[in-house]
Amino acid sequence: MAENQTRDIRPSPIAGLWYPGDPEVLRQVLEEDLRQAKSPLISGAVKALILPHAGLVYSGKTAACALKAIEGKKFRRVIIVSPSHEGYPGHIITTEHSAYQTPLGLVPVDQPALQKLGGMLATEGVRLLPVRRDREHSIEIELPFLQHLLPEGFELIPLMLMDQSLTLAKILSGALATLIESFSKDEAALLIASSDLSHFHHQRQANRLDQNLIKGLENFEPEAFYRLKSGRDAEACGHGAIASILLAAQKLGANQLVVTDYRTSGDVSGDLGSVVGYVSAVITAGEEERQ
């Protein structure tokens, strides 16, 4: 990593709480989750993933089922779109730091790409606001798995949505597709939507709500998320993030989505009275890759 990328580091507010703070213990957890992960057959070039963002003890196994699809692959950049769980002005939040810190090391932020994206969004009236020392977990929780699976490193483009409207999702998806198409052909980019599903319902109700949203995913219908949400027939804290990534992936040629795992916090804790739903999925384009 270049020296100027290590001078201004976002310290982790969740290492040791949401996931192990000891690097060796963390690697063991990641490896075990990946070892146990079982995924349906995935064909085509991986364009995007949908991942949950709870603590690893709850959502790590679900995330691993989708992340196995990038095992052995290389990505120069990873774009993670999540909700913002804290209040800020503007439409979309990003980091002003030059790198994120986890127990596995530093993840450099592609600040030039963020500036380029910010310019594109500004022409559509969308404000991208850089902030310092944010405490957002939904970006960071994805990083240890990515560091483990992409040992040659990658640059991060973190985006946290304050505005999760369908209008913004359409604007952001177009800007992301244009940004990715501006990269050279040998600089592959991976899109990730970070979102949990229903919150604090009984397991039976959570399963019903979550399956409604999952059906919209499988049908490539992000508009369905908004109809279901307005009718209280589905929930996702990052519905705008999922919609943005699904639309961007489609613009980049994606034509297949495979749900790789679904479960709730109750499946881990045994408490079925008030659960959070988790789903993971892989979005691909084209026929099966030839290695």
C-alpha atoms as a PDB file:
ATOM      1  CA  MET A   1       0.000   0.000   0.000  1.00  0.00           C
ATOM      2  CA  ALA A   2       1.318   3.437  -0.855  1.00  0.00           C
ATOM      3  CA  GLU A   3       2.537   5.479   2.090  1.00  0.00           C
ATOM      4  CA  ASN A   4      -0.008   8.262   1.578  1.00  0.00           C
ATOM      5  CA  GLN A   5      -2.784   5.708   1.910  1.00  0.00           C
ATOM      6  CA  THR A   6      -1.744   4.835   5.458  1.00  0.00           C
ATOM      7  CA  ARG A   7      -1.669   8.338   6.958  1.00  0.00           C
ATOM      8  CA  ASP A   8      -5.352   8.800   7.646  1.00  0.00           C
ATOM      9  CA  ILE A   9      -6.941   5.594   8.899  1.00  0.00           C
ATOM     10  CA  ARG A  10     -10.534   5.007   9.956  1.00  0.00           C
ATOM     11  CA  PRO A  11     -10.214   3.059  13.207  1.00  0.00           C
ATOM     12  CA  SER A  12     -12.585   0.152  13.713  1.00  0.00           C
ATOM     13  CA  PRO A  13     -15.424   0.807  16.192  1.00  0.00           C
ATOM     14  CA  ILE A  14     -16.691  -2.806  16.073  1.00  0.00           C
ATOM     15  CA  ALA A  15     -13.638  -5.112  16.042  1.00  0.00           C
ATOM     16  CA  GLY A  16     -13.760  -7.222  19.188  1.00  0.00           C
ATOM     17  CA  LEU A  17     -17.513  -6.624  19.472  1.00  0.00           C
ATOM     18  CA  TRP A  18     -19.208  -7.537  16.210  1.00  0.00           C
ATOM     19  CA  TYR A  19     -16.394  -9.861  15.168  1.00  0.00           C
ATOM     20  CA  PRO A  20     -13.184 -11.157  16.800  1.00  0.00           C
ATOM     21  CA  GLY A  21     -10.520  -8.548  17.412  1.00  0.00           C
ATOM     22  CA  ASP A  22      -7.691 -11.091  17.425  1.00  0.00           C
ATOM     23  CA  PRO A  23      -6.539 -11.667  13.815  1.00  0.00           C
ATOM     24  CA  GLU A  24      -5.837 -15.386  14.266  1.00  0.00           C
ATOM     25  CA  VAL A  25      -9.193 -16.040  15.916  1.00  0.00           C
ATOM     26  CA  LEU A  26     -10.890 -13.973  13.209  1.00  0.00           C
ATOM     27  CA  ARG A  27      -9.239 -15.979  10.428  1.00  0.00           C
ATOM     28  CA  GLN A  28     -10.343 -19.214  12.084  1.00  0.00           C
ATOM     29  CA  VAL A  29     -13.950 -17.969  12.217  1.00  0.00           C
ATOM     30  CA  LEU A  30     -13.876 -16.896   8.562  1.00  0.00           C
ATOM     31  CA  GLU A  31     -12.315 -20.162   7.418  1.00  0.00           C
ATOM     32  CA  GLU A  32     -14.824 -22.241   9.366  1.00  0.00           C
ATOM     33  CA  ASP A  33     -17.794 -20.300   7.986  1.00  0.00           C
ATOM     34  CA  LEU A  34     -16.461 -20.720   4.450  1.00  0.00           C
ATOM     35  CA  ARG A  35     -15.753 -24.414   5.032  1.00  0.00           C
ATOM     36  CA  GLN A  36     -19.323 -25.029   6.153  1.00  0.00           C
ATOM     37  CA  ALA A  37     -20.900 -22.866   3.455  1.00  0.00           C
ATOM     38  CA  LYS A  38     -22.949 -24.688   0.851  1.00  0.00           C
ATOM     39  CA  SER A  39     -24.031 -22.767  -2.213  1.00  0.00           C
ATOM     40  CA  PRO A  40     -26.095 -23.640  -5.286  1.00  0.00           C
ATOM     41  CA  LEU A  41     -24.253 -23.955  -8.583  1.00  0.00           C
ATOM     42  CA  ILE A  42     -23.273 -20.474  -9.779  1.00  0.00           C
ATOM     43  CA  SER A  43     -22.712 -19.831 -13.483  1.00  0.00           C
ATOM     44  CA  GLY A  44     -21.477 -16.714 -15.259  1.00  0.00           C
ATOM     45  CA  ALA A  45     -19.188 -13.859 -14.266  1.00  0.00           C
ATOM     46  CA  VAL A  46     -19.852 -12.588 -10.754  1.00  0.00           C
ATOM     47  CA  LYS A  47     -21.010  -8.970 -10.889  1.00  0.00           C
ATOM     48  CA  ALA A  48     -22.490  -8.439  -7.434  1.00  0.00           C
ATOM     49  CA  LEU A  49     -23.296  -9.948  -4.065  1.00  0.00           C
ATOM     50  CA  ILE A  50     -26.048  -9.300  -1.548  1.00  0.00           C
ATOM     51  CA  LEU A  51     -24.792  -9.818   2.008  1.00  0.00           C
ATOM     52  CA  PRO A  52     -26.186  -9.390   5.539  1.00  0.00           C
ATOM     53  CA  HIS A  53     -24.430  -7.140   8.040  1.00  0.00           C
ATOM     54  CA  ALA A  54     -25.108  -8.387  11.560  1.00  0.00           C
ATOM     55  CA  GLY A  55     -22.354  -9.600  13.876  1.00  0.00           C
ATOM     56  CA  LEU A  56     -20.492 -12.548  12.372  1.00  0.00           C
ATOM     57  CA  VAL A  57     -21.858 -15.010  14.929  1.00  0.00           C
ATOM     58  CA  TYR A  58     -25.339 -14.331  13.514  1.00  0.00           C
ATOM     59  CA  SER A  59     -24.838 -13.568   9.833  1.00  0.00           C
ATOM     60  CA  GLY A  60     -21.370 -14.890   8.977  1.00  0.00           C
ATOM     61  CA  LYS A  61     -22.560 -18.284   7.749  1.00  0.00           C
ATOM     62  CA  THR A  62     -25.168 -16.682   5.489  1.00  0.00           C
ATOM     63  CA  ALA A  63     -22.631 -14.244   4.072  1.00  0.00           C
ATOM     64  CA  ALA A  64     -20.092 -17.032   3.483  1.00  0.00           C
ATOM     65  CA  CYS A  65     -22.513 -18.908   1.210  1.00  0.00           C
ATOM     66  CA  ALA A  66     -22.416 -16.037  -1.299  1.00  0.00           C
ATOM     67  CA  LEU A  67     -18.800 -15.056  -0.718  1.00  0.00           C
ATOM     68  CA  LYS A  68     -17.629 -18.527  -1.748  1.00  0.00           C
ATOM     69  CA  ALA A  69     -18.482 -17.431  -5.298  1.00  0.00           C
ATOM     70  CA  ILE A  70     -15.472 -15.086  -5.343  1.00  0.00           C
ATOM     71  CA  GLU A  71     -13.006 -17.603  -3.917  1.00  0.00           C
ATOM     72  CA  GLY A  72      -9.937 -17.652  -6.166  1.00  0.00           C
ATOM     73  CA  LYS A  73     -11.044 -14.584  -8.131  1.00  0.00           C
ATOM     74  CA  LYS A  74      -9.466 -11.136  -8.305  1.00  0.00           C
ATOM     75  CA  PHE A  75     -11.135  -7.758  -8.001  1.00  0.00           C
ATOM     76  CA  ARG A  76      -9.283  -4.457  -8.173  1.00  0.00           C
ATOM     77  CA  ARG A  77     -12.169  -2.566  -6.547  1.00  0.00           C
ATOM     78  CA  VAL A  78     -15.071  -3.449  -4.280  1.00  0.00           C
ATOM     79  CA  ILE A  79     -18.039  -1.081  -4.116  1.00  0.00           C
ATOM     80  CA  ILE A  80     -20.190  -1.605  -1.005  1.00  0.00           C
ATOM     81  CA  VAL A  81     -23.550   0.138  -0.751  1.00  0.00           C
ATOM     82  CA  SER A  82     -25.299   0.053   2.617  1.00  0.00           C
ATOM     83  CA  PRO A  83     -27.836   2.023   4.612  1.00  0.00           C
ATOM     84  CA  SER A  84     -26.609   4.580   7.121  1.00  0.00           C
ATOM     85  CA  HIS A  85     -27.677   3.738  10.657  1.00  0.00           C
ATOM     86  CA  GLU A  86     -26.658   7.220  11.849  1.00  0.00           C
ATOM     87  CA  GLY A  87     -28.035  10.585  10.779  1.00  0.00           C
ATOM     88  CA  TYR A  88     -26.037  12.857   8.472  1.00  0.00           C
ATOM     89  CA  PRO A  89     -27.007  15.612   6.026  1.00  0.00           C
ATOM     90  CA  GLY A  90     -26.980  14.835   2.338  1.00  0.00           C
ATOM     91  CA  HIS A  91     -28.142  11.891   0.269  1.00  0.00           C
ATOM     92  CA  ILE A  92     -25.183   9.498   0.405  1.00  0.00           C
ATOM     93  CA  ILE A  93     -22.347   9.282   2.934  1.00  0.00           C
ATOM     94  CA  THR A  94     -18.817   8.056   2.282  1.00  0.00           C
ATOM     95  CA  THR A  95     -15.554   8.123   4.175  1.00  0.00           C
ATOM     96  CA  GLU A  96     -13.076  10.967   4.149  1.00  0.00           C
ATOM     97  CA  HIS A  97     -10.333   8.598   5.359  1.00  0.00           C
ATOM     98  CA  SER A  98      -7.778   6.987   3.076  1.00  0.00           C
ATOM     99  CA  ALA A  99      -8.182   3.468   4.492  1.00  0.00           C
ATOM    100  CA  TYR A 100     -10.308   1.302   6.795  1.00  0.00           C
ATOM    101  CA  GLN A 101      -8.622  -0.659   9.575  1.00  0.00           C
ATOM    102  CA  THR A 102      -9.549  -4.192  10.633  1.00  0.00           C
ATOM    103  CA  PRO A 103      -7.548  -6.777  12.620  1.00  0.00           C
ATOM    104  CA  LEU A 104      -6.447  -8.233   9.256  1.00  0.00           C
ATOM    105  CA  GLY A 105      -4.836  -4.980   8.126  1.00  0.00           C
ATOM    106  CA  LEU A 106      -5.730  -1.895   6.122  1.00  0.00           C
ATOM    107  CA  VAL A 107      -8.166  -1.619   3.245  1.00  0.00           C
ATOM    108  CA  PRO A 108      -7.308   1.381   1.033  1.00  0.00           C
ATOM    109  CA  VAL A 109     -10.137   3.638  -0.113  1.00  0.00           C
ATOM    110  CA  ASP A 110     -10.231   4.660  -3.780  1.00  0.00           C
ATOM    111  CA  GLN A 111     -10.613   8.374  -3.181  1.00  0.00           C
ATOM    112  CA  PRO A 112     -10.118   9.374  -6.855  1.00  0.00           C
ATOM    113  CA  ALA A 113     -12.989   7.078  -7.854  1.00  0.00           C
ATOM    114  CA  LEU A 114     -15.147   8.534  -5.071  1.00  0.00           C
ATOM    115  CA  GLN A 115     -14.437  12.050  -6.316  1.00  0.00           C
ATOM    116  CA  LYS A 116     -15.357  11.015  -9.843  1.00  0.00           C
ATOM    117  CA  LEU A 117     -18.555   9.382  -8.621  1.00  0.00           C
ATOM    118  CA  GLY A 118     -19.390  12.441  -6.533  1.00  0.00           C
ATOM    119  CA  GLY A 119     -19.112  14.619  -9.622  1.00  0.00           C
ATOM    120  CA  MET A 120     -21.456  12.391 -11.593  1.00  0.00           C
ATOM    121  CA  LEU A 121     -24.005  12.343  -8.774  1.00  0.00           C
ATOM    122  CA  ALA A 122     -23.829  16.115  -8.354  1.00  0.00           C
ATOM    123  CA  THR A 123     -25.026  16.606 -11.940  1.00  0.00           C
ATOM    124  CA  GLU A 124     -28.184  14.735 -10.872  1.00  0.00           C
ATOM    125  CA  GLY A 125     -28.626  16.844  -7.744  1.00  0.00           C
ATOM    126  CA  VAL A 126     -27.367  14.101  -5.397  1.00  0.00           C
ATOM    127  CA  ARG A 127     -24.890  15.042  -2.670  1.00  0.00           C
ATOM    128  CA  LEU A 128     -22.106  12.630  -1.711  1.00  0.00           C
ATOM    129  CA  LEU A 129     -20.857  13.704   1.715  1.00  0.00           C
ATOM    130  CA  PRO A 130     -17.463  12.519   3.051  1.00  0.00           C
ATOM    131  CA  VAL A 131     -17.374  12.067   6.832  1.00  0.00           C
ATOM    132  CA  ARG A 132     -14.700  11.183   9.377  1.00  0.00           C
ATOM    133  CA  ARG A 133     -14.688   8.524  12.087  1.00  0.00           C
ATOM    134  CA  ASP A 134     -18.143   7.196  11.250  1.00  0.00           C
ATOM    135  CA  ARG A 135     -19.384   4.243  13.304  1.00  0.00           C
ATOM    136  CA  GLU A 136     -21.280   2.503  10.516  1.00  0.00           C
ATOM    137  CA  HIS A 137     -21.034  -1.276  10.903  1.00  0.00           C
ATOM    138  CA  SER A 138     -22.712  -2.324   7.661  1.00  0.00           C
ATOM    139  CA  ILE A 139     -19.661  -1.503   5.498  1.00  0.00           C
ATOM    140  CA  GLU A 140     -16.968  -2.692   7.880  1.00  0.00           C
ATOM    141  CA  ILE A 141     -18.534  -6.050   8.753  1.00  0.00           C
ATOM    142  CA  GLU A 142     -18.033  -7.182   5.132  1.00  0.00           C
ATOM    143  CA  LEU A 143     -14.316  -6.330   5.051  1.00  0.00           C
ATOM    144  CA  PRO A 144     -12.677  -9.237   6.937  1.00  0.00           C
ATOM    145  CA  PHE A 145     -14.237 -11.832   4.608  1.00  0.00           C
ATOM    146  CA  LEU A 146     -13.113  -9.774   1.591  1.00  0.00           C
ATOM    147  CA  GLN A 147      -9.593  -9.380   2.971  1.00  0.00           C
ATOM    148  CA  HIS A 148      -9.412 -13.133   3.533  1.00  0.00           C
ATOM    149  CA  LEU A 149     -10.740 -14.048   0.077  1.00  0.00           C
ATOM    150  CA  LEU A 150      -8.862 -11.370  -1.877  1.00  0.00           C
ATOM    151  CA  PRO A 151      -5.341 -11.709  -0.433  1.00  0.00           C
ATOM    152  CA  GLU A 152      -3.769  -9.591  -3.185  1.00  0.00           C
ATOM    153  CA  GLY A 153      -5.791  -6.669  -1.879  1.00  0.00           C
ATOM    154  CA  PHE A 154      -8.440  -4.375  -3.290  1.00  0.00           C
ATOM    155  CA  GLU A 155      -9.539  -0.758  -3.122  1.00  0.00           C
ATOM    156  CA  LEU A 156     -12.796   0.076  -1.394  1.00  0.00           C
ATOM    157  CA  ILE A 157     -15.551   2.433  -2.526  1.00  0.00           C
ATOM    158  CA  PRO A 158     -17.895   2.724   0.508  1.00  0.00           C
ATOM    159  CA  LEU A 159     -21.344   4.290   0.091  1.00  0.00           C
ATOM    160  CA  MET A 160     -23.910   4.654   2.899  1.00  0.00           C
ATOM    161  CA  LEU A 161     -27.396   5.765   1.894  1.00  0.00           C
ATOM    162  CA  MET A 162     -29.317   8.403   3.796  1.00  0.00           C
ATOM    163  CA  ASP A 163     -31.873   8.501   0.965  1.00  0.00           C
ATOM    164  CA  GLN A 164     -33.094   5.010   0.056  1.00  0.00           C
ATOM    165  CA  SER A 165     -35.797   6.088  -2.379  1.00  0.00           C
ATOM    166  CA  LEU A 166     -36.248   4.337  -5.710  1.00  0.00           C
ATOM    167  CA  THR A 167     -35.416   7.625  -7.437  1.00  0.00           C
ATOM    168  CA  LEU A 168     -32.017   7.771  -5.775  1.00  0.00           C
ATOM    169  CA  ALA A 169     -31.411   4.057  -6.385  1.00  0.00           C
ATOM    170  CA  LYS A 170     -31.916   4.609 -10.112  1.00  0.00           C
ATOM    171  CA  ILE A 171     -29.572   7.613 -10.163  1.00  0.00           C
ATOM    172  CA  LEU A 172     -26.898   5.832  -8.138  1.00  0.00           C
ATOM    173  CA  SER A 173     -27.120   2.647 -10.205  1.00  0.00           C
ATOM    174  CA  GLY A 174     -26.551   4.594 -13.410  1.00  0.00           C
ATOM    175  CA  ALA A 175     -23.570   6.431 -11.932  1.00  0.00           C
ATOM    176  CA  LEU A 176     -22.051   3.199 -10.604  1.00  0.00           C
ATOM    177  CA  ALA A 177     -22.422   1.455 -13.955  1.00  0.00           C
ATOM    178  CA  THR A 178     -20.797   4.420 -15.718  1.00  0.00           C
ATOM    179  CA  LEU A 179     -17.977   4.489 -13.156  1.00  0.00           C
ATOM    180  CA  ILE A 180     -17.260   0.784 -13.535  1.00  0.00           C
ATOM    181  CA  GLU A 181     -17.322   1.029 -17.325  1.00  0.00           C
ATOM    182  CA  SER A 182     -14.700   3.803 -17.090  1.00  0.00           C
ATOM    183  CA  PHE A 183     -12.200   1.444 -15.440  1.00  0.00           C
ATOM    184  CA  SER A 184      -9.780  -0.479 -17.638  1.00  0.00           C
ATOM    185  CA  LYS A 185     -10.876  -3.969 -18.659  1.00  0.00           C
ATOM    186  CA  ASP A 186      -8.266  -5.615 -16.417  1.00  0.00           C
ATOM    187  CA  GLU A 187      -9.555  -3.796 -13.311  1.00  0.00           C
ATOM    188  CA  ALA A 188     -12.550  -5.893 -12.310  1.00  0.00           C
ATOM    189  CA  ALA A 189     -14.994  -4.376  -9.824  1.00  0.00           C
ATOM    190  CA  LEU A 190     -17.325  -6.181  -7.442  1.00  0.00           C
ATOM    191  CA  LEU A 191     -20.618  -4.641  -6.309  1.00  0.00           C
ATOM    192  CA  ILE A 192     -21.993  -5.503  -2.861  1.00  0.00           C
ATOM    193  CA  ALA A 193     -25.324  -4.585  -1.279  1.00  0.00           C
ATOM    194  CA  SER A 194     -25.184  -4.782   2.514  1.00  0.00           C
ATOM    195  CA  SER A 195     -28.591  -5.285   4.127  1.00  0.00           C
ATOM    196  CA  ASP A 196     -30.468  -7.279   6.723  1.00  0.00           C
ATOM    197  CA  LEU A 197     -34.140  -8.154   6.228  1.00  0.00           C
ATOM    198  CA  SER A 198     -37.063  -8.022   8.690  1.00  0.00           C
ATOM    199  CA  HIS A 199     -36.426  -6.885  12.249  1.00  0.00           C
ATOM    200  CA  PHE A 200     -37.862  -8.061  15.580  1.00  0.00           C
ATOM    201  CA  HIS A 201     -40.815 -10.199  14.530  1.00  0.00           C
ATOM    202  CA  HIS A 202     -41.617 -13.748  15.545  1.00  0.00           C
ATOM    203  CA  GLN A 203     -39.848 -16.282  13.337  1.00  0.00           C
ATOM    204  CA  ARG A 204     -43.074 -17.188  11.498  1.00  0.00           C
ATOM    205  CA  GLN A 205     -43.808 -13.560  10.614  1.00  0.00           C
ATOM    206  CA  ALA A 206     -40.182 -12.885   9.718  1.00  0.00           C
ATOM    207  CA  ASN A 207     -40.124 -15.839   7.338  1.00  0.00           C
ATOM    208  CA  ARG A 208     -43.273 -14.588   5.597  1.00  0.00           C
ATOM    209  CA  LEU A 209     -41.999 -11.022   5.208  1.00  0.00           C
ATOM    210  CA  ASP A 210     -38.547 -12.130   4.096  1.00  0.00           C
ATOM    211  CA  GLN A 211     -39.777 -14.605   1.504  1.00  0.00           C
ATOM    212  CA  ASN A 212     -41.835 -11.835  -0.086  1.00  0.00           C
ATOM    213  CA  LEU A 213     -38.707  -9.747  -0.550  1.00  0.00           C
ATOM    214  CA  ILE A 214     -36.631 -12.716  -1.694  1.00  0.00           C
ATOM    215  CA  LYS A 215     -39.170 -13.402  -4.431  1.00  0.00           C
ATOM    216  CA  GLY A 216     -38.657  -9.845  -5.668  1.00  0.00           C
ATOM    217  CA  LEU A 217     -34.916 -10.472  -5.693  1.00  0.00           C
ATOM    218  CA  GLU A 218     -35.198 -13.671  -7.689  1.00  0.00           C
ATOM    219  CA  ASN A 219     -37.420 -11.930 -10.238  1.00  0.00           C
ATOM    220  CA  PHE A 220     -34.992  -8.976 -10.613  1.00  0.00           C
ATOM    221  CA  GLU A 221     -37.757  -6.611  -9.484  1.00  0.00           C
ATOM    222  CA  PRO A 222     -36.323  -3.900  -7.213  1.00  0.00           C
ATOM    223  CA  GLU A 223     -39.516  -1.896  -7.640  1.00  0.00           C
ATOM    224  CA  ALA A 224     -41.262  -4.726  -5.785  1.00  0.00           C
ATOM    225  CA  PHE A 225     -39.269  -3.895  -2.629  1.00  0.00           C
ATOM    226  CA  TYR A 226     -40.915  -0.504  -2.474  1.00  0.00           C
ATOM    227  CA  ARG A 227     -44.423  -1.810  -3.122  1.00  0.00           C
ATOM    228  CA  LEU A 228     -43.995  -4.492  -0.483  1.00  0.00           C
ATOM    229  CA  LYS A 229     -42.465  -2.069   2.018  1.00  0.00           C
ATOM    230  CA  SER A 230     -45.259   0.481   1.577  1.00  0.00           C
ATOM    231  CA  GLY A 231     -47.789  -2.300   2.164  1.00  0.00           C
ATOM    232  CA  ARG A 232     -45.839  -3.595   5.184  1.00  0.00           C
ATOM    233  CA  ASP A 233     -45.407  -6.923   3.425  1.00  0.00           C
ATOM    234  CA  ALA A 234     -41.583  -6.912   3.518  1.00  0.00           C
ATOM    235  CA  GLU A 235     -38.742  -5.224   5.364  1.00  0.00           C
ATOM    236  CA  ALA A 236     -35.072  -4.589   4.687  1.00  0.00           C
ATOM    237  CA  CYS A 237     -32.976  -1.931   6.389  1.00  0.00           C
ATOM    238  CA  GLY A 238     -30.987  -1.610   3.154  1.00  0.00           C
ATOM    239  CA  HIS A 239     -33.763  -1.899   0.569  1.00  0.00           C
ATOM    240  CA  GLY A 240     -32.311   1.096  -1.295  1.00  0.00           C
ATOM    241  CA  ALA A 241     -28.855  -0.458  -1.264  1.00  0.00           C
ATOM    242  CA  ILE A 242     -30.217  -3.723  -2.679  1.00  0.00           C
ATOM    243  CA  ALA A 243     -32.188  -1.866  -5.355  1.00  0.00           C
ATOM    244  CA  SER A 244     -29.147   0.223  -6.331  1.00  0.00           C
ATOM    245  CA  ILE A 245     -26.880  -2.802  -6.702  1.00  0.00           C
ATOM    246  CA  LEU A 246     -29.471  -4.894  -8.533  1.00  0.00           C
ATOM    247  CA  LEU A 247     -30.113  -2.097 -11.048  1.00  0.00           C
ATOM    248  CA  ALA A 248     -26.388  -1.357 -11.507  1.00  0.00           C
ATOM    249  CA  ALA A 249     -25.617  -5.036 -12.062  1.00  0.00           C
ATOM    250  CA  GLN A 250     -28.364  -5.238 -14.690  1.00  0.00           C
ATOM    251  CA  LYS A 251     -26.887  -2.238 -16.489  1.00  0.00           C
ATOM    252  CA  LEU A 252     -23.571  -4.135 -16.536  1.00  0.00           C
ATOM    253  CA  GLY A 253     -25.149  -7.187 -18.147  1.00  0.00           C
ATOM    254  CA  ALA A 254     -26.217  -9.255 -15.147  1.00  0.00           C
ATOM    255  CA  ASN A 255     -29.051 -11.641 -15.955  1.00  0.00           C
ATOM    256  CA  GLN A 256     -28.991 -14.207 -13.149  1.00  0.00           C
ATOM    257  CA  LEU A 257     -29.533 -14.041  -9.389  1.00  0.00           C
ATOM    258  CA  VAL A 258     -29.108 -17.038  -7.110  1.00  0.00           C
ATOM    259  CA  VAL A 259     -30.141 -16.858  -3.456  1.00  0.00           C
ATOM    260  CA  THR A 260     -27.414 -18.736  -1.593  1.00  0.00           C
ATOM    261  CA  ASP A 261     -28.742 -18.761   1.973  1.00  0.00           C
ATOM    262  CA  TYR A 262     -31.536 -17.506   4.198  1.00  0.00           C
ATOM    263  CA  ARG A 263     -31.871 -17.761   7.962  1.00  0.00           C
ATOM    264  CA  THR A 264     -32.685 -15.635  10.993  1.00  0.00           C
ATOM    265  CA  SER A 265     -30.976 -14.724  14.229  1.00  0.00           C
ATOM    266  CA  GLY A 266     -33.336 -17.187  15.892  1.00  0.00           C
ATOM    267  CA  ASP A 267     -31.687 -20.035  14.018  1.00  0.00           C
ATOM    268  CA  VAL A 268     -28.498 -19.136  15.919  1.00  0.00           C
ATOM    269  CA  SER A 269     -29.794 -17.983  19.301  1.00  0.00           C
ATOM    270  CA  GLY A 270     -32.810 -20.271  19.582  1.00  0.00           C
ATOM    271  CA  ASP A 271     -34.968 -17.263  20.520  1.00  0.00           C
ATOM    272  CA  LEU A 272     -37.752 -17.296  17.917  1.00  0.00           C
ATOM    273  CA  GLY A 273     -39.843 -14.575  19.530  1.00  0.00           C
ATOM    274  CA  SER A 274     -37.957 -11.591  18.060  1.00  0.00           C
ATOM    275  CA  VAL A 275     -35.604 -12.247  15.166  1.00  0.00           C
ATOM    276  CA  VAL A 276     -33.712 -10.494  12.369  1.00  0.00           C
ATOM    277  CA  GLY A 277     -33.687 -11.990   8.870  1.00  0.00           C
ATOM    278  CA  TYR A 278     -30.556 -12.537   6.774  1.00  0.00           C
ATOM    279  CA  VAL A 279     -30.199 -13.386   3.083  1.00  0.00           C
ATOM    280  CA  SER A 280     -27.257 -13.717   0.724  1.00  0.00           C
ATOM    281  CA  ALA A 281     -27.244 -13.884  -3.059  1.00  0.00           C
ATOM    282  CA  VAL A 282     -24.908 -13.899  -6.067  1.00  0.00           C
ATOM    283  CA  ILE A 283     -25.659 -11.887  -9.203  1.00  0.00           C
ATOM    284  CA  THR A 284     -23.932 -12.997 -12.411  1.00  0.00           C
ATOM    285  CA  ALA A 285     -23.774 -12.252 -16.130  1.00  0.00           C
ATOM    286  CA  GLY A 286     -23.354 -14.548 -19.107  1.00  0.00           C
ATOM    287  CA  GLU A 287     -22.543 -18.215 -19.351  1.00  0.00           C
ATOM    288  CA  GLU A 288     -20.350 -20.256 -17.047  1.00  0.00           C
ATOM    289  CA  GLU A 289     -16.826 -18.923 -16.820  1.00  0.00           C
ATOM    290  CA  ARG A 290     -13.976 -20.960 -18.288  1.00  0.00           C
ATOM    291  CA  GLN A 291     -11.011 -21.071 -15.982  1.00  0.00           C
END
